Protein backbone atom coordinates (compact mmCIF):
# COMPACT_ATOMS: atom_id res chain seq x y z
CA UNK A 1 -14.18 10.16 8.50
CA UNK A 2 -13.25 11.17 12.02
CA UNK A 3 -13.28 7.97 14.13
CA UNK A 4 -14.65 9.72 17.21
CA UNK A 5 -17.21 12.21 15.85
CA UNK A 6 -17.98 10.32 12.60
CA UNK A 7 -17.79 13.63 10.74
CA UNK A 8 -16.99 13.20 7.02
CA UNK A 9 -14.14 15.11 5.37
CA UNK A 10 -12.96 15.34 1.77
CA UNK A 11 -9.18 15.22 1.67
CA UNK A 12 -7.44 15.87 -1.68
CA UNK A 13 -5.26 12.94 -2.79
CA UNK A 14 -2.50 15.42 -3.60
CA UNK A 15 -1.89 15.92 0.14
CA UNK A 16 -0.83 12.26 0.41
CA UNK A 17 1.61 12.59 -2.53
CA UNK A 18 2.84 9.20 -3.85
CA UNK A 19 1.51 7.22 -0.88
CA UNK A 20 -2.08 7.84 -2.08
CA UNK A 21 -1.76 4.94 -4.51
CA UNK A 22 -1.60 2.50 -1.58
CA UNK A 23 -4.64 3.83 0.32
CA UNK A 24 -7.74 1.69 0.62
CA UNK A 25 -11.11 2.19 2.26
CA UNK A 26 -11.18 1.98 6.05
CA UNK A 27 -7.49 2.78 6.48
CA UNK A 28 -6.49 5.13 9.31
CA UNK A 29 -4.52 8.22 8.20
CA UNK A 30 -3.34 11.38 9.92
CA UNK A 31 -4.69 14.71 8.68
CA UNK A 32 -3.84 18.18 10.02
CA UNK A 33 -6.32 21.03 9.64
CA UNK A 34 -6.05 24.79 9.74
CA UNK A 35 -9.33 26.72 9.88
CA UNK A 36 -11.31 23.62 8.82
CA UNK A 37 -9.09 23.14 5.74
CA UNK A 38 -6.85 20.07 5.47
CA UNK A 39 -3.23 21.14 5.04
CA UNK A 40 -1.21 17.97 5.72
CA UNK A 41 -2.08 14.31 5.24
CA UNK A 42 0.06 11.30 6.10
CA UNK A 43 -0.55 7.67 5.22
CA UNK A 44 0.77 4.87 7.45
CA UNK A 45 4.46 4.01 6.93
CA UNK A 46 3.49 0.57 5.63
CA UNK A 47 0.34 -1.23 4.53
CA UNK A 48 -0.66 -4.86 4.08
CA UNK A 49 -2.03 -5.57 0.60
CA UNK A 50 -3.07 -8.68 -1.28
CA UNK A 51 -1.32 -9.68 -4.49
CA UNK A 52 -4.01 -9.82 -7.18
CA UNK A 53 -1.75 -10.81 -10.07
CA UNK A 54 1.78 -12.06 -10.58
CA UNK A 55 3.48 -14.60 -12.79
CA UNK A 56 4.04 -17.94 -11.05
CA UNK A 57 7.61 -18.71 -10.02
CA UNK A 58 9.48 -21.34 -11.97
CA UNK A 59 10.89 -24.18 -9.86
CA UNK A 60 14.42 -23.27 -8.82
CA UNK A 61 13.86 -19.49 -9.02
CA UNK A 62 12.87 -19.20 -5.36
CA UNK A 63 16.42 -19.26 -3.97
CA UNK A 64 17.76 -16.24 -5.89
CA UNK A 65 17.45 -12.55 -5.09
CA UNK A 66 15.61 -11.89 -8.36
CA UNK A 67 12.44 -9.82 -8.29
CA UNK A 68 9.30 -9.99 -10.41
CA UNK A 69 6.39 -7.62 -10.92
CA UNK A 70 3.16 -8.09 -9.00
CA UNK A 71 -0.09 -6.11 -8.91
CA UNK A 72 -1.60 -5.38 -5.49
CA UNK A 73 -5.28 -4.89 -4.66
CA UNK A 74 -5.08 -1.11 -5.16
CA UNK A 75 -3.93 -1.64 -8.76
CA UNK A 76 -0.31 -0.60 -8.20
CA UNK A 77 2.48 -2.71 -9.65
CA UNK A 78 5.40 -3.42 -7.31
CA UNK A 79 8.47 -5.65 -7.37
CA UNK A 80 8.40 -8.72 -5.13
CA UNK A 81 10.67 -11.74 -4.58
CA UNK A 82 10.11 -14.78 -6.80
CA UNK A 83 8.51 -16.81 -3.98
CA UNK A 84 5.52 -14.43 -3.64
CA UNK A 85 2.39 -15.77 -5.34
CA UNK A 86 -1.05 -14.50 -6.29
CA UNK A 87 -3.28 -14.36 -3.20
CA UNK A 88 -0.37 -13.73 -0.79
CA UNK A 89 -0.50 -10.71 1.49
CA UNK A 90 2.57 -8.48 1.57
CA UNK A 91 3.69 -5.46 3.56
CA UNK A 92 4.60 -2.47 1.36
CA UNK A 93 6.41 0.75 2.28
CA UNK A 94 4.01 3.57 1.33
CA UNK A 95 6.79 6.12 0.82
CA UNK A 96 8.84 4.11 -1.67
CA UNK A 97 6.47 1.38 -2.86
CA UNK A 98 9.06 -1.22 -1.88
CA UNK A 99 8.18 -4.75 -0.80
CA UNK A 100 9.01 -5.23 2.90
CA UNK A 101 7.84 -8.76 3.77
CA UNK A 102 5.26 -11.44 3.18
CA UNK A 103 2.51 -11.47 5.81
CA UNK A 104 1.16 -14.73 7.18
């Protein structure tokens, strides 16, 4: 939806490439049009997502550089440090799917 005119547009997910898996409702994206047809779409460089599932860390594992798998609210599985828990919010790079940081 255009934020100024409130006009609705259907943008194919394929224009976002791999970053489409991190998109959620209400997120601002950039879309370029040619003759009323979308030709380029770009997601933000990073997004904040909630961890919906991950195994709990074992005491003593928090000081290493080991990573574990976690599922974010969009259903994508990413690798996060051992100290990240279910319910935490994390910043994820939309281009690579890499964990960037935990958000307070």
